[in-house]
N, C-alpha and C. Protein backbone atom coordinates (compact mmCIF):
# COMPACT_ATOMS: atom_id res chain seq x y z
N UNK A 1 58.29 37.65 87.63
CA UNK A 1 59.58 38.03 86.99
C UNK A 1 60.24 39.11 87.84
N UNK A 2 61.54 38.93 88.02
CA UNK A 2 62.36 39.78 88.91
C UNK A 2 62.94 40.82 88.03
N UNK A 3 62.47 42.10 88.14
CA UNK A 3 62.99 43.20 87.28
C UNK A 3 64.09 43.97 87.92
N UNK A 4 65.28 43.50 87.77
CA UNK A 4 66.45 44.14 88.37
C UNK A 4 66.94 45.25 87.50
N UNK A 5 67.93 45.80 87.95
CA UNK A 5 68.62 46.94 87.14
C UNK A 5 69.16 46.38 85.81
N UNK A 6 69.75 45.24 85.91
CA UNK A 6 70.30 44.57 84.68
C UNK A 6 69.13 44.28 83.74
N UNK A 7 67.99 43.88 84.15
CA UNK A 7 66.86 43.70 83.29
C UNK A 7 66.42 44.92 82.60
N UNK A 8 66.33 46.01 83.39
CA UNK A 8 65.97 47.35 82.88
C UNK A 8 66.92 47.83 81.80
N UNK A 9 68.27 47.62 82.16
CA UNK A 9 69.31 48.09 81.21
C UNK A 9 69.24 47.23 79.89
N UNK A 10 68.92 46.03 80.00
CA UNK A 10 68.81 45.20 78.85
C UNK A 10 67.57 45.56 77.97
N UNK A 11 66.48 45.90 78.68
CA UNK A 11 65.27 46.31 77.89
C UNK A 11 65.52 47.64 77.16
N UNK A 12 66.27 48.49 77.85
CA UNK A 12 66.55 49.84 77.18
C UNK A 12 67.36 49.62 76.00
N UNK A 13 68.35 48.73 76.07
CA UNK A 13 69.22 48.48 74.83
C UNK A 13 68.31 47.90 73.75
N UNK A 14 67.44 46.94 74.10
CA UNK A 14 66.69 46.26 73.06
C UNK A 14 65.70 47.22 72.33
N UNK A 15 65.18 48.21 73.05
CA UNK A 15 64.22 49.12 72.47
C UNK A 15 64.79 50.41 72.07
N UNK A 16 66.05 50.54 72.00
CA UNK A 16 66.77 51.65 71.39
C UNK A 16 66.77 52.89 72.20
N UNK A 17 66.27 52.87 73.46
CA UNK A 17 66.44 54.08 74.25
C UNK A 17 67.60 53.93 75.17
N UNK A 18 68.72 53.82 74.66
CA UNK A 18 69.93 53.46 75.41
C UNK A 18 70.81 54.63 75.65
N UNK A 19 70.27 55.90 75.56
CA UNK A 19 71.03 57.09 75.76
C UNK A 19 71.57 57.13 77.18
N UNK A 20 70.80 56.71 78.18
CA UNK A 20 71.29 56.75 79.62
C UNK A 20 72.12 55.51 79.86
N UNK A 21 72.01 54.45 79.07
CA UNK A 21 72.76 53.27 79.35
C UNK A 21 74.18 53.36 78.73
N UNK A 22 74.20 53.82 77.51
CA UNK A 22 75.53 53.85 76.84
C UNK A 22 76.21 55.22 77.08
N UNK A 23 77.40 55.28 77.53
CA UNK A 23 78.01 56.64 77.80
C UNK A 23 78.29 57.25 76.43
N UNK A 24 78.52 58.57 76.43
CA UNK A 24 78.84 59.32 75.27
C UNK A 24 80.09 58.85 74.60
N UNK A 25 80.15 58.63 73.35
CA UNK A 25 81.34 58.09 72.71
C UNK A 25 82.41 59.05 72.58
N UNK A 26 82.10 60.35 72.36
CA UNK A 26 83.08 61.42 72.23
C UNK A 26 83.07 62.34 73.39
N UNK A 27 84.23 62.42 74.02
CA UNK A 27 84.34 63.36 75.21
C UNK A 27 85.24 64.48 74.71
N UNK A 28 84.86 65.63 74.75
CA UNK A 28 85.72 66.79 74.51
C UNK A 28 86.75 66.97 75.55
N UNK A 29 87.89 67.63 75.13
CA UNK A 29 88.93 67.83 76.09
C UNK A 29 88.42 68.72 77.15
N UNK A 30 88.86 68.52 78.37
CA UNK A 30 88.51 69.33 79.59
C UNK A 30 89.44 70.50 79.74
N UNK A 31 90.71 70.30 79.23
CA UNK A 31 91.68 71.26 79.41
C UNK A 31 92.66 71.29 78.23
N UNK A 32 93.04 72.40 77.75
CA UNK A 32 93.96 72.53 76.56
C UNK A 32 95.16 71.66 76.85
N UNK A 33 95.73 71.69 78.06
CA UNK A 33 96.96 71.09 78.38
C UNK A 33 96.84 69.52 78.27
N UNK A 34 95.61 69.03 78.35
CA UNK A 34 95.38 67.57 78.22
C UNK A 34 95.52 67.05 76.74
N UNK A 35 95.57 67.95 75.83
CA UNK A 35 95.72 67.48 74.49
C UNK A 35 97.24 67.48 74.19
N UNK A 36 97.76 66.26 74.06
CA UNK A 36 99.17 66.03 74.01
C UNK A 36 99.71 66.13 72.55
N UNK A 37 98.98 65.77 71.63
CA UNK A 37 99.50 65.66 70.21
C UNK A 37 99.38 67.04 69.51
N UNK A 38 100.40 67.51 68.87
CA UNK A 38 100.41 68.74 68.24
C UNK A 38 99.36 68.84 67.19
N UNK A 39 99.16 67.81 66.38
CA UNK A 39 98.14 67.79 65.32
C UNK A 39 96.74 68.00 65.82
N UNK A 40 96.43 67.39 66.96
CA UNK A 40 95.11 67.55 67.50
C UNK A 40 94.91 68.85 68.07
N UNK A 41 96.00 69.48 68.59
CA UNK A 41 95.91 70.85 69.03
C UNK A 41 95.73 71.83 67.91
N UNK A 42 96.35 71.58 66.78
CA UNK A 42 96.17 72.43 65.60
C UNK A 42 94.74 72.32 65.03
N UNK A 43 94.29 71.09 65.00
CA UNK A 43 92.91 70.91 64.51
C UNK A 43 91.93 71.54 65.39
N UNK A 44 92.11 71.35 66.73
CA UNK A 44 91.08 71.99 67.64
C UNK A 44 91.14 73.55 67.63
N UNK A 45 92.39 74.01 67.49
CA UNK A 45 92.54 75.54 67.44
C UNK A 45 91.83 76.01 66.17
N UNK A 46 91.93 75.26 65.11
CA UNK A 46 91.26 75.68 63.84
C UNK A 46 89.70 75.67 64.00
N UNK A 47 89.24 74.67 64.70
CA UNK A 47 87.72 74.61 64.99
C UNK A 47 87.34 75.82 65.86
N UNK A 48 88.14 76.23 66.81
CA UNK A 48 87.80 77.30 67.80
C UNK A 48 88.07 78.58 67.22
N UNK A 49 88.80 78.65 66.04
CA UNK A 49 89.12 79.94 65.45
C UNK A 49 90.28 80.64 66.23
N UNK A 50 91.18 79.87 66.85
CA UNK A 50 92.25 80.39 67.53
C UNK A 50 93.50 80.34 66.67
N UNK A 51 94.50 81.11 67.05
CA UNK A 51 95.79 80.94 66.29
C UNK A 51 96.69 80.17 67.32
N UNK A 52 97.18 78.98 66.78
CA UNK A 52 98.11 78.09 67.59
C UNK A 52 99.20 77.70 66.65
N UNK A 53 100.41 77.74 67.10
CA UNK A 53 100.95 78.01 68.41
C UNK A 53 100.80 79.57 68.61
N UNK A 54 100.70 79.92 69.90
CA UNK A 54 100.56 81.33 70.28
C UNK A 54 101.89 82.03 70.06
N UNK A 55 101.98 83.04 69.30
CA UNK A 55 103.18 83.72 69.05
C UNK A 55 103.29 85.00 69.81
N UNK A 56 104.45 85.31 70.22
CA UNK A 56 104.66 86.54 70.97
C UNK A 56 104.64 87.73 69.97
N UNK A 57 104.61 88.89 70.38
CA UNK A 57 104.65 90.10 69.52
C UNK A 57 105.98 90.16 68.75
N UNK A 58 106.94 89.84 69.40
CA UNK A 58 108.26 89.80 68.69
C UNK A 58 108.27 88.73 67.56
N UNK A 59 107.78 87.55 67.74
CA UNK A 59 107.74 86.57 66.77
C UNK A 59 106.89 86.98 65.58
N UNK A 60 105.83 87.70 65.85
CA UNK A 60 104.91 88.10 64.81
C UNK A 60 105.57 89.20 63.98
N UNK A 61 106.37 90.08 64.65
CA UNK A 61 107.13 91.12 63.93
C UNK A 61 108.21 90.55 63.05
N UNK A 62 108.92 89.53 63.59
CA UNK A 62 109.91 88.90 62.84
C UNK A 62 109.45 88.19 61.60
N UNK A 63 108.24 87.69 61.59
CA UNK A 63 107.65 87.05 60.45
C UNK A 63 107.50 87.96 59.23
N UNK A 64 107.17 89.23 59.56
CA UNK A 64 106.98 90.15 58.46
C UNK A 64 108.22 90.72 57.78
């Protein structure tokens, strides 16, 4: 039997140890600028405990 890389990958999938075979399904953002959609930025800022959009001191004073 010729045990090639394809054979080993197939065996790994069959026996459930496919962590090295299957890439991670969720990749977090590498950079804040790479998040294009406003709703995703708002959700991520909420997760991180940040305030977004970032308001200047003047804007904060005008709100009050």
